[in-house]
Protein backbone atom coordinates (compact mmCIF):
# COMPACT_ATOMS: atom_id res chain seq x y z
CA MET A 1 76.57 -14.91 -34.99
CA ASN A 2 78.53 -15.87 -32.02
CA TYR A 3 76.42 -15.33 -28.97
CA ARG A 4 77.76 -14.65 -25.86
CA PHE A 5 75.62 -17.20 -23.68
CA THR A 6 76.52 -18.12 -20.36
CA PRO A 7 77.94 -21.76 -19.58
CA VAL A 8 75.16 -23.16 -18.36
CA VAL A 9 72.91 -22.08 -21.47
CA GLU A 10 75.41 -22.78 -23.98
CA ASN A 11 75.72 -26.50 -23.15
CA LEU A 12 71.80 -27.11 -22.45
CA PRO A 13 69.49 -28.23 -25.88
CA SER A 14 66.71 -26.24 -26.89
CA THR A 15 63.94 -28.11 -25.14
CA VAL A 16 60.00 -27.54 -25.48
CA PRO A 17 59.01 -30.07 -22.30
CA PHE A 18 55.48 -30.72 -23.80
CA VAL A 19 54.28 -29.79 -27.40
CA GLY A 20 51.61 -28.06 -27.11
CA PRO A 21 48.19 -29.38 -28.81
CA GLU A 22 48.02 -26.17 -31.00
CA ALA A 23 51.25 -26.91 -32.03
CA GLN A 24 50.03 -30.45 -33.42
CA GLU A 25 47.13 -28.76 -34.80
CA ARG A 26 48.81 -26.20 -37.04
CA GLN A 27 51.32 -29.10 -38.09
CA ARG A 28 48.15 -31.37 -39.10
CA GLY A 29 45.97 -28.78 -40.44
CA VAL A 30 42.78 -29.93 -38.00
CA GLN A 31 41.79 -29.30 -34.83
CA PHE A 32 41.58 -32.37 -32.01
CA ARG A 33 37.80 -33.24 -31.60
CA ALA A 34 38.81 -34.39 -28.08
CA ARG A 35 41.23 -32.11 -26.21
CA ILE A 36 41.92 -35.14 -23.42
CA GLY A 37 46.01 -34.59 -22.67
CA ALA A 38 47.05 -31.73 -20.92
CA ASN A 39 45.35 -31.96 -17.61
CA GLU A 40 43.13 -29.16 -18.04
CA SER A 41 39.90 -28.75 -16.86
CA VAL A 42 37.34 -29.12 -19.84
CA PHE A 43 34.49 -28.04 -17.61
CA GLY A 44 35.81 -24.20 -17.29
CA PRO A 45 36.24 -21.69 -14.85
CA SER A 46 33.83 -20.47 -12.45
CA PRO A 47 31.24 -18.46 -13.80
CA LYS A 48 31.88 -15.89 -11.18
CA ALA A 49 35.66 -15.89 -12.17
CA VAL A 50 34.85 -15.18 -15.77
CA ARG A 51 32.62 -12.18 -14.86
CA ALA A 52 35.52 -10.98 -12.65
CA MET A 53 37.98 -11.04 -15.09
CA GLN A 54 35.76 -9.47 -17.97
CA GLN A 55 35.20 -6.41 -15.33
CA GLU A 56 38.98 -6.51 -14.48
CA ALA A 57 39.62 -6.28 -18.33
CA LEU A 58 38.84 -2.54 -18.41
CA GLN A 59 41.43 -2.18 -15.62
CA VAL A 60 44.19 -3.49 -17.78
CA TRP A 61 45.92 -0.62 -18.35
CA LYS A 62 47.40 -0.84 -15.14
CA TYR A 63 49.86 -3.33 -14.02
CA GLY A 64 48.79 -5.85 -11.51
CA ASP A 65 49.31 -5.30 -7.53
CA PRO A 66 52.89 -6.50 -7.25
CA GLU A 67 52.10 -7.65 -4.22
CA ASN A 68 49.04 -9.94 -5.30
CA HIS A 69 47.57 -8.57 -1.89
CA ASP A 70 44.06 -9.01 -2.07
CA LEU A 71 44.56 -13.06 -3.36
CA LYS A 72 47.31 -13.58 -0.34
CA GLU A 73 44.80 -12.23 1.92
CA ALA A 74 42.29 -14.54 0.98
CA LEU A 75 44.21 -17.31 0.15
CA GLY A 76 45.20 -17.17 3.98
CA ALA A 77 41.88 -16.88 5.32
CA HIS A 78 41.40 -20.26 3.26
CA HIS A 79 43.94 -21.89 4.62
CA GLY A 80 43.79 -20.66 8.12
CA ILE A 81 47.54 -18.87 7.68
CA ALA A 82 48.87 -15.75 7.70
CA PRO A 83 49.71 -13.80 4.06
CA ASP A 84 53.14 -14.04 4.84
CA ASN A 85 53.23 -17.74 4.24
CA ILE A 86 52.35 -17.64 0.77
CA VAL A 87 54.10 -16.44 -2.76
CA VAL A 88 51.87 -15.74 -5.71
CA GLY A 89 53.51 -16.83 -9.51
CA GLU A 90 53.19 -17.49 -12.96
CA GLY A 91 51.94 -20.91 -12.28
CA ILE A 92 53.28 -23.50 -10.46
CA ASP A 93 56.31 -24.17 -13.52
CA GLY A 94 56.66 -20.32 -12.79
CA LEU A 95 57.21 -20.79 -9.10
CA PHE A 96 59.50 -23.73 -9.73
CA GLY A 97 61.95 -21.37 -12.00
CA TYR A 98 62.15 -19.24 -8.65
CA THR A 99 62.83 -21.97 -6.43
CA ALA A 100 65.66 -22.88 -8.50
CA ARG A 101 67.04 -19.43 -8.70
CA LEU A 102 67.00 -19.65 -4.71
CA PHE A 103 68.69 -22.84 -4.23
CA VAL A 104 70.15 -24.25 -7.10
CA SER A 105 74.01 -23.35 -8.81
CA PRO A 106 76.34 -24.84 -11.46
CA GLY A 107 76.96 -28.36 -10.11
CA VAL A 108 74.38 -28.61 -7.19
CA PRO A 109 72.67 -31.77 -7.24
CA VAL A 110 68.71 -32.40 -6.90
CA ALA A 111 66.97 -35.14 -5.88
CA THR A 112 63.29 -36.68 -7.98
CA SER A 113 62.28 -39.53 -9.28
CA LEU A 114 63.10 -40.94 -12.86
CA GLY A 115 59.64 -39.92 -14.72
CA ALA A 116 58.51 -37.14 -12.52
CA TYR A 117 56.87 -33.80 -13.91
CA PRO A 118 59.66 -32.79 -16.60
CA THR A 119 59.05 -28.78 -15.98
CA PHE A 120 60.87 -29.11 -12.17
CA ASN A 121 63.99 -30.64 -14.47
CA TYR A 122 63.79 -27.91 -16.89
CA GLN A 123 64.05 -25.19 -14.22
CA VAL A 124 66.81 -27.20 -12.28
CA ALA A 125 68.80 -27.66 -15.67
CA ALA A 126 68.38 -23.99 -16.43
CA CYS A 127 70.77 -22.78 -13.10
CA GLY A 128 73.18 -25.57 -13.73
CA GLY A 129 72.16 -28.36 -11.18
CA GLN A 130 72.67 -32.03 -11.50
CA ILE A 131 69.08 -34.10 -12.01
CA THR A 132 70.12 -37.20 -9.40
CA THR A 133 66.68 -39.98 -9.83
CA VAL A 134 65.32 -42.97 -8.41
CA PRO A 135 62.76 -44.87 -10.48
CA TYR A 136 58.89 -44.73 -9.16
CA ARG A 137 57.99 -48.46 -7.31
CA ASP A 138 54.72 -49.84 -8.09
CA ASP A 139 53.65 -46.76 -10.48
CA ARG A 140 54.26 -44.13 -7.47
CA GLU A 141 57.09 -42.10 -6.47
CA ASP A 142 59.17 -43.77 -3.64
CA PRO A 143 59.43 -41.47 -0.52
CA ASP A 144 62.37 -43.83 0.84
CA ALA A 145 64.35 -44.51 -2.25
CA LEU A 146 63.87 -40.03 -2.33
CA LEU A 147 65.14 -39.59 0.98
CA ALA A 148 68.22 -41.87 0.65
CA LEU A 149 69.29 -40.15 -2.66
CA THR A 150 68.74 -36.60 -1.10
CA ARG A 151 71.13 -37.84 1.80
CA GLU A 152 73.49 -39.65 -0.37
CA HIS A 153 74.18 -36.60 -2.44
CA ARG A 154 73.36 -33.78 0.15
CA ALA A 155 71.20 -32.14 -2.28
CA PRO A 156 69.14 -28.85 -1.33
CA LEU A 157 65.84 -29.57 -3.12
CA VAL A 158 63.67 -32.80 -3.47
CA TYR A 159 60.84 -33.20 -5.37
CA LEU A 160 57.60 -35.04 -5.33
CA ALA A 161 54.10 -34.84 -6.38
CA ASN A 162 51.03 -35.93 -4.45
CA PRO A 163 48.77 -36.63 -6.20
CA ASP A 164 51.25 -37.42 -8.95
CA ASN A 165 51.57 -36.28 -13.08
CA PRO A 166 52.34 -38.57 -14.94
CA MET A 167 50.87 -41.92 -13.04
CA GLY A 168 48.10 -40.30 -10.95
CA SER A 169 48.86 -42.47 -8.49
CA TRP A 170 49.28 -40.80 -4.62
CA TRP A 171 50.61 -41.14 -0.93
CA ASP A 172 48.57 -41.19 2.42
CA ALA A 173 48.96 -37.90 4.39
CA ALA A 174 50.91 -40.10 6.49
CA ASP A 175 53.44 -41.18 4.56
CA VAL A 176 53.86 -37.70 3.37
CA GLN A 177 54.51 -36.36 6.82
CA ARG A 178 56.73 -39.26 7.43
CA MET A 179 59.05 -38.04 4.58
CA ILE A 180 59.27 -34.64 5.87
CA GLU A 181 59.98 -35.31 9.27
CA ASN A 182 62.94 -37.50 7.83
CA LEU A 183 64.29 -35.19 5.73
CA PRO A 184 68.07 -34.50 6.21
CA ASP A 185 69.24 -31.20 7.40
CA GLY A 186 69.75 -28.47 4.81
CA ALA A 187 67.08 -29.91 2.68
CA VAL A 188 63.65 -28.56 1.29
CA LEU A 189 60.94 -30.70 -0.18
CA CYS A 190 59.36 -29.55 -2.97
CA LEU A 191 55.56 -30.89 -2.27
CA ASP A 192 53.94 -30.38 -5.85
CA GLU A 193 50.38 -30.34 -4.84
CA ALA A 194 48.59 -29.37 -8.07
CA TYR A 195 46.11 -32.41 -8.18
CA GLY A 196 45.27 -32.31 -4.28
CA ASP A 197 41.39 -30.71 -4.83
CA PHE A 198 40.89 -34.53 -6.74
CA ALA A 199 42.69 -36.85 -4.12
CA PRO A 200 40.81 -38.57 -1.37
CA ALA A 201 40.43 -37.32 1.74
CA GLY A 202 43.25 -38.07 4.18
CA THR A 203 46.24 -37.44 1.03
CA LEU A 204 47.13 -33.95 2.13
CA PRO A 205 49.03 -33.45 5.24
CA GLU A 206 47.92 -30.75 7.49
CA ILE A 207 49.45 -27.56 6.85
CA ASP A 208 52.44 -26.45 8.99
CA VAL A 209 54.25 -23.09 7.99
CA THR A 210 56.69 -23.63 10.97
CA ASP A 211 58.47 -26.17 9.10
CA SER A 212 61.18 -24.74 7.17
CA ARG A 213 62.01 -27.42 5.23
CA LEU A 214 58.90 -27.85 3.33
CA LEU A 215 57.39 -25.93 0.16
CA ARG A 216 54.14 -26.80 -0.70
CA PHE A 217 52.95 -25.35 -4.33
CA ARG A 218 49.04 -25.26 -5.53
CA THR A 219 47.66 -23.92 -8.87
CA PHE A 220 44.42 -22.62 -10.11
CA SER A 221 45.03 -24.46 -13.50
CA LYS A 222 43.71 -27.56 -12.67
CA ALA A 223 40.06 -28.04 -10.58
CA HIS A 224 40.08 -23.77 -10.94
CA GLY A 225 40.10 -24.34 -14.58
CA LEU A 226 42.49 -21.26 -14.75
CA ALA A 227 45.68 -22.86 -16.81
CA GLY A 228 45.27 -20.05 -19.58
CA CYS A 229 45.83 -17.25 -16.85
CA ARG A 230 49.14 -19.02 -15.18
CA ILE A 231 48.61 -18.60 -11.30
CA GLY A 232 49.47 -20.45 -8.65
CA TYR A 233 51.19 -20.05 -5.16
CA ALA A 234 53.58 -21.65 -2.91
CA ILE A 235 53.03 -22.07 1.10
CA GLY A 236 56.05 -22.03 3.25
CA GLU A 237 57.60 -20.44 6.41
CA ALA A 238 57.29 -16.70 6.34
CA GLN A 239 61.39 -15.92 6.03
CA LEU A 240 61.40 -18.45 3.11
CA ILE A 241 58.40 -17.42 1.61
CA LYS A 242 60.08 -13.91 1.74
CA SER A 243 63.15 -14.73 -0.20
CA PHE A 244 61.33 -15.47 -2.85
CA ASP A 245 61.22 -11.41 -3.27
CA LYS A 246 64.39 -11.07 -3.86
CA LEU A 247 64.50 -12.55 -7.44
CA ARG A 248 60.58 -13.19 -8.16
CA ASN A 249 59.03 -11.15 -11.47
CA HIS A 250 57.15 -8.73 -9.10
CA PHE A 251 54.65 -7.70 -11.77
CA GLY A 252 54.67 -11.45 -13.47
CA VAL A 253 50.90 -12.09 -12.44
CA ASN A 254 48.77 -9.84 -14.59
CA ARG A 255 45.36 -8.31 -13.35
CA LEU A 256 42.86 -10.49 -14.83
CA ALA A 257 44.70 -13.69 -13.59
CA GLN A 258 44.65 -11.71 -10.13
CA ALA A 259 40.84 -10.91 -10.57
CA GLY A 260 40.09 -14.48 -11.50
CA ALA A 261 41.42 -16.53 -8.86
CA LEU A 262 40.05 -14.41 -5.94
CA ALA A 263 36.30 -15.41 -7.75
CA SER A 264 37.11 -18.57 -8.20
CA LEU A 265 38.18 -19.17 -4.72
CA ALA A 266 35.29 -17.86 -3.05
CA ASP A 267 32.98 -19.90 -5.60
CA ARG A 268 33.09 -23.41 -3.69
CA GLU A 269 30.21 -24.69 -5.24
CA HIS A 270 31.75 -24.66 -8.83
CA LEU A 271 34.68 -26.48 -7.47
CA HIS A 272 32.92 -29.26 -5.77
CA GLU A 273 30.85 -29.54 -8.83
CA VAL A 274 34.14 -29.84 -11.40
CA VAL A 275 35.76 -32.68 -8.89
CA HIS A 276 32.35 -34.66 -9.08
CA LYS A 277 32.80 -34.23 -12.85
CA VAL A 278 36.28 -35.40 -12.83
CA ALA A 279 35.40 -38.70 -10.47
CA ARG A 280 32.77 -39.13 -13.04
CA ALA A 281 34.82 -38.82 -16.07
CA ARG A 282 37.49 -41.02 -14.64
CA GLU A 283 34.87 -43.89 -13.68
CA ARG A 284 34.29 -43.63 -17.59
CA ILE A 285 37.55 -43.53 -18.58
CA ALA A 286 38.44 -46.67 -17.01
CA ALA A 287 35.32 -48.29 -18.52
CA ILE A 288 36.32 -47.44 -21.89
CA ALA A 289 39.98 -49.06 -21.14
CA GLN A 290 38.10 -52.30 -19.64
CA GLU A 291 36.10 -52.31 -22.67
CA ASN A 292 39.57 -53.00 -24.91
CA GLN A 293 41.09 -55.52 -22.67
CA LEU A 294 43.34 -52.46 -20.95
CA ARG A 295 44.18 -52.15 -17.47
CA PRO A 296 43.29 -48.43 -15.66
CA LEU A 297 45.51 -47.42 -12.90
CA PRO A 298 43.62 -45.82 -9.90
CA SER A 299 43.62 -42.24 -9.91
CA ALA A 300 43.62 -39.34 -7.68
CA ALA A 301 44.14 -36.56 -10.28
CA ASN A 302 41.94 -34.85 -12.89
CA PHE A 303 43.23 -37.66 -15.69
CA MET A 304 44.02 -41.51 -16.09
CA ALA A 305 47.01 -43.41 -16.95
CA ILE A 306 46.01 -46.70 -18.96
CA ASP A 307 48.65 -49.31 -19.11
CA CYS A 308 48.60 -50.87 -22.74
CA GLY A 309 50.29 -54.35 -21.67
CA ARG A 310 53.20 -53.78 -23.69
CA ASP A 311 56.14 -51.25 -24.15
CA GLY A 312 56.99 -47.93 -24.70
CA ASP A 313 56.95 -48.61 -28.57
CA TYR A 314 53.45 -49.75 -28.29
CA ALA A 315 52.12 -46.94 -26.10
CA GLY A 316 53.61 -44.34 -28.32
CA ARG A 317 51.91 -45.79 -31.36
CA VAL A 318 48.55 -46.00 -29.55
CA VAL A 319 48.84 -42.04 -28.59
CA ALA A 320 50.02 -41.52 -32.62
CA GLU A 321 47.10 -43.54 -33.81
CA LEU A 322 44.65 -41.92 -31.25
CA ILE A 323 45.80 -38.13 -32.41
CA ALA A 324 45.62 -39.29 -36.27
CA ARG A 325 41.97 -39.60 -35.41
CA ASN A 326 41.88 -36.18 -33.69
CA VAL A 327 42.00 -37.27 -30.12
CA PHE A 328 44.67 -35.16 -28.02
CA VAL A 329 46.01 -37.53 -25.40
CA ARG A 330 49.71 -37.83 -24.17
CA MET A 331 51.96 -40.68 -22.56
CA PRO A 332 54.93 -40.72 -19.73
CA GLY A 333 58.29 -40.36 -21.12
CA VAL A 334 60.23 -42.67 -19.37
CA ALA A 335 60.36 -46.65 -19.26
CA PRO A 336 58.40 -48.75 -17.46
CA LEU A 337 55.88 -46.08 -16.96
CA ASN A 338 55.58 -45.38 -20.58
CA ARG A 339 53.52 -48.39 -21.27
CA CYS A 340 51.14 -46.23 -20.59
CA ILE A 341 48.63 -43.76 -22.28
CA ARG A 342 48.00 -40.76 -20.13
CA VAL A 343 43.78 -39.50 -20.82
CA SER A 344 42.51 -36.04 -19.14
CA ALA A 345 38.84 -36.03 -17.69
CA GLY A 346 36.50 -35.25 -20.52
CA THR A 347 32.91 -34.16 -20.92
CA ASP A 348 30.32 -37.09 -22.36
CA ASP A 349 31.28 -35.69 -25.57
CA ASP A 350 34.87 -35.89 -25.46
CA LEU A 351 34.84 -39.58 -24.07
CA ARG A 352 32.42 -40.64 -27.05
CA VAL A 353 34.73 -39.91 -29.33
CA LEU A 354 37.74 -41.63 -27.17
CA ALA A 355 35.33 -44.46 -27.18
CA MET A 356 34.65 -44.58 -30.82
CA ALA A 357 38.69 -43.90 -31.57
CA LEU A 358 40.56 -46.26 -29.26
CA PRO A 359 39.37 -49.22 -30.63
CA PRO A 360 40.66 -48.62 -34.26
CA ALA A 361 43.91 -46.90 -32.60
CA LEU A 362 44.37 -50.27 -30.93
CA GLN A 363 44.16 -52.27 -34.02
CA ALA A 364 46.47 -49.98 -36.21
CA ALA A 365 49.10 -49.76 -33.50
CA ARG A 366 49.03 -53.76 -33.24
């Protein structure tokens, strides 16, 4: 049929930003022995969150609260801000989609880094926006170059992840705050802090909900271990946050996710335990890399980028050989970042599998 798509959609490729491990398992007919490629928390959700979701299952005949009232109240108390400064959505990816629809129309430029988190670009493209990029500098996003790009193109949105995905690098809070203060008029910074729970002290700037130039994105998918629930939130100035009500899916966050996030937020002990386990896993991943004459890059996230020392073709072969040995990992998609593979924090068993699979994978890749 000759479908009557919009001009924007008509000209877009059919794209899956990330091929999931399940799709690869179906294609290969075998399950992965170590699932350490999607930056999920293999350490699982809080047991209190699990119990809360089990209890809430009896209530799923009801729609979820479209206002996300209880969770916004709890998040406000947690951050010391008003609930009106918070919007809850279907993970950060869903909130990126709403943000793009608020600010981007066909032909509007948006500033980001070449090789940064691709789902942000995916949402911008769906609105017909024009992605403009600057390269990473020393394996970190470059705030000064992003500011210059934003000014040059008069972009209404600029994206920065801190800590960064896919490299795990980060900037100190003072550097990020300096970027915020130098934003040109009419520009809003989309500050992706999905990995903020794992970052060193002094990485995240203080929250200032009076600054209308800033949207900060947080998630329950990483340290809280609720990736499958699809729930996250954004923090910002109250009128900017209220604007999301113009277009968000008011029933998009389901009851189980709301209950699980609320219980998980209250379980600080579990969160601290996960952060500790992730730090220990990063140390082990670094040791495995060094045992194989590879260079682990410093990371403030729940994964580690490992420099394979050659180019993207070689790193791609390493990934393929690890997958052939039932170890699911990923890699950055753009040079020179794609000289690396990216390994998520895993359990002791996961990392034993990696340690056994990596030497023969490297030999085969060579």
